[in-house]
Amino acid sequence: MPKSVASTTLCDLTWANSHVLGADDATRRPLTLVSTTTSTLGVSITTYRRSDG
């Protein structure tokens, strides 16, 4: 699954299927939290969807 990372300090990612959002992607967009869960290892998994309007 592709991963987009928002960061001002990272340039290159070692994670598979990941990319750092560039300055052209910096437009603020409203998001709605769809779901959240925590894995047995303590990893937080959150899913967001673009909000209408």
Protein backbone atom coordinates (compact mmCIF):
# COMPACT_ATOMS: atom_id res chain seq x y z
CA MET A 1 0.00 0.00 0.00
CA PRO A 2 1.45 3.43 -0.88
CA LYS A 3 2.41 5.73 1.98
CA SER A 4 2.72 9.52 1.82
CA VAL A 5 4.86 11.13 4.49
CA ALA A 6 4.59 14.80 5.44
CA SER A 7 7.93 15.94 6.81
CA THR A 8 10.15 18.98 6.84
CA THR A 9 13.25 16.98 7.85
CA LEU A 10 13.14 13.73 5.86
CA CYS A 11 14.34 13.61 2.26
CA ASP A 12 14.74 9.93 1.47
CA LEU A 13 12.67 7.12 2.92
CA THR A 14 13.73 3.52 3.30
CA TRP A 15 10.17 2.23 3.69
CA ALA A 16 8.79 0.38 0.67
CA ASN A 17 6.15 2.25 -1.40
CA SER A 18 6.74 5.52 0.51
CA HIS A 19 7.39 9.05 -0.67
CA VAL A 20 7.82 12.42 1.00
CA LEU A 21 5.23 15.01 0.04
CA GLY A 22 6.91 17.86 -1.82
CA ALA A 23 6.25 21.62 -1.63
CA ASP A 24 3.67 21.29 -4.53
CA ASP A 25 1.67 18.94 -2.17
CA ALA A 26 1.62 21.46 0.71
CA THR A 27 -1.93 22.67 0.07
CA ARG A 28 -4.00 22.32 3.22
CA ARG A 29 -6.94 19.96 2.74
CA PRO A 30 -9.66 19.17 5.28
CA LEU A 31 -9.70 15.53 6.37
CA THR A 32 -12.16 13.41 8.31
CA LEU A 33 -10.96 10.57 10.53
CA VAL A 34 -12.53 7.35 9.26
CA SER A 35 -11.04 4.79 11.62
CA THR A 36 -8.25 4.21 14.11
CA THR A 37 -6.88 1.08 15.72
CA THR A 38 -3.78 0.03 17.62
CA SER A 39 -1.88 -3.12 16.71
CA THR A 40 -0.67 -5.62 19.29
CA LEU A 41 2.79 -4.05 18.92
CA GLY A 42 1.46 -0.58 19.77
CA VAL A 43 1.44 0.81 16.22
CA SER A 44 -1.34 3.32 15.62
CA ILE A 45 -3.16 2.78 12.31
CA THR A 46 -5.35 5.69 11.22
CA THR A 47 -7.35 6.18 8.05
CA TYR A 48 -8.49 9.59 6.85
CA ARG A 49 -10.72 10.66 3.97
CA ARG A 50 -10.83 14.02 2.26
CA SER A 51 -13.74 16.04 3.61
CA ASP A 52 -16.28 17.58 1.27
CA GLY A 53 -16.23 21.36 1.24
